[in-house]
Amino acid sequence: MPIKLGSKVPDFALPMTGAASWRLKDAAGTKLVLYFYPRDMTSGCTRESQDFRDLERAFRKVGTRIVGISRDSVASHDKFAAKESLPFP
């Protein structure tokens, strides 16, 4: 079901790197960039993640958090985040 721009997104929880979980409601009141990508370690997804990594400080300065979401396993995400030095879940 598509979500319309400006509509409220229902709460959801996902496993994340570092053996924790991430919930949308924990980001309430925060500007948030959710980026969805198909696979860890692929050229396009790696480049996209590197771009967000390189811009993370600028996003943080304006009070915006970044979260990347993929269907890959948490173990795969842990390797990907470590390899690319991603400072966000």
Protein backbone atom coordinates (compact mmCIF):
# COMPACT_ATOMS: atom_id res chain seq x y z
CA MET A 1 0.00 0.00 0.00
CA PRO A 2 1.61 3.30 -1.07
CA ILE A 3 1.93 6.07 1.47
CA LYS A 4 0.95 9.53 0.31
CA LEU A 5 3.26 12.48 0.81
CA GLY A 6 2.42 14.22 4.08
CA SER A 7 0.48 11.30 5.52
CA LYS A 8 1.31 9.68 8.84
CA VAL A 9 3.30 6.44 8.52
CA PRO A 10 2.22 3.60 10.80
CA ASP A 11 4.77 2.53 13.40
CA PHE A 12 7.06 -0.37 12.52
CA ALA A 13 10.10 -2.08 14.00
CA LEU A 14 13.08 -3.65 12.22
CA PRO A 15 16.19 -5.51 13.37
CA MET A 16 19.28 -3.38 12.89
CA THR A 17 23.04 -3.56 12.99
CA GLY A 18 24.67 -4.07 16.35
CA ALA A 19 22.05 -6.65 17.50
CA ALA A 20 19.47 -3.98 18.31
CA SER A 21 16.12 -3.06 16.84
CA TRP A 22 14.89 0.21 15.40
CA ARG A 23 11.35 1.56 15.77
CA LEU A 24 9.84 4.41 13.84
CA LYS A 25 8.12 5.75 16.97
CA ASP A 26 11.55 6.23 18.59
CA ALA A 27 12.25 8.88 15.94
CA ALA A 28 9.02 10.80 16.65
CA GLY A 29 9.56 14.54 16.44
CA THR A 30 12.77 14.10 14.45
CA LYS A 31 13.32 14.81 10.78
CA LEU A 32 14.10 11.49 9.20
CA VAL A 33 15.48 10.23 5.88
CA LEU A 34 14.59 6.59 5.25
CA TYR A 35 16.37 5.24 2.21
CA PHE A 36 15.52 1.84 0.83
CA TYR A 37 18.03 -0.19 -1.15
CA PRO A 38 17.85 -3.72 -2.60
CA ARG A 39 21.20 -5.32 -1.61
CA ASP A 40 24.27 -4.74 0.53
CA MET A 41 27.63 -4.66 -1.27
CA THR A 42 26.27 -3.96 -4.76
CA SER A 43 27.75 -1.09 -6.75
CA GLY A 44 24.67 1.15 -6.86
CA CYS A 45 23.63 0.52 -3.26
CA THR A 46 27.19 1.02 -2.04
CA ARG A 47 27.45 4.36 -3.86
CA GLU A 48 24.08 5.50 -2.45
CA SER A 49 25.14 4.56 1.08
CA GLN A 50 28.50 6.30 0.65
CA ASP A 51 26.71 9.46 -0.48
CA PHE A 52 24.48 9.41 2.62
CA ARG A 53 27.56 8.67 4.78
CA ASP A 54 29.42 11.62 3.28
CA LEU A 55 26.44 13.94 3.82
CA GLU A 56 25.51 12.64 7.30
CA ARG A 57 27.16 15.52 9.14
CA ALA A 58 25.19 18.09 7.08
CA PHE A 59 21.95 16.20 7.74
CA ARG A 60 22.75 16.02 11.46
CA LYS A 61 23.41 19.80 11.55
CA VAL A 62 19.81 20.41 10.49
CA GLY A 63 18.44 17.85 12.96
CA THR A 64 17.85 15.05 10.46
CA ARG A 65 18.65 11.37 11.04
CA ILE A 66 19.38 8.84 8.29
CA VAL A 67 18.27 5.19 8.29
CA GLY A 68 19.02 2.70 5.49
CA ILE A 69 16.63 -0.22 4.97
CA SER A 70 17.22 -3.40 2.96
CA ARG A 71 15.92 -6.98 2.95
CA ASP A 72 19.40 -8.43 3.54
CA SER A 73 20.25 -10.14 6.83
CA VAL A 74 21.49 -8.22 9.86
CA ALA A 75 24.84 -10.07 9.53
CA SER A 76 25.13 -8.75 5.97
CA HIS A 77 24.23 -5.22 7.14
CA ASP A 78 26.84 -5.42 9.92
CA LYS A 79 29.56 -6.28 7.38
CA PHE A 80 28.36 -3.61 4.95
CA ALA A 81 28.16 -0.89 7.63
CA ALA A 82 31.64 -1.75 8.92
CA LYS A 83 33.20 -1.92 5.46
CA GLU A 84 31.69 1.43 4.40
CA SER A 85 32.01 3.16 7.82
CA LEU A 86 28.32 4.00 7.88
CA PRO A 87 27.53 6.21 10.91
CA PHE A 88 23.80 5.41 10.87
CA PRO A 89 21.63 2.27 11.18
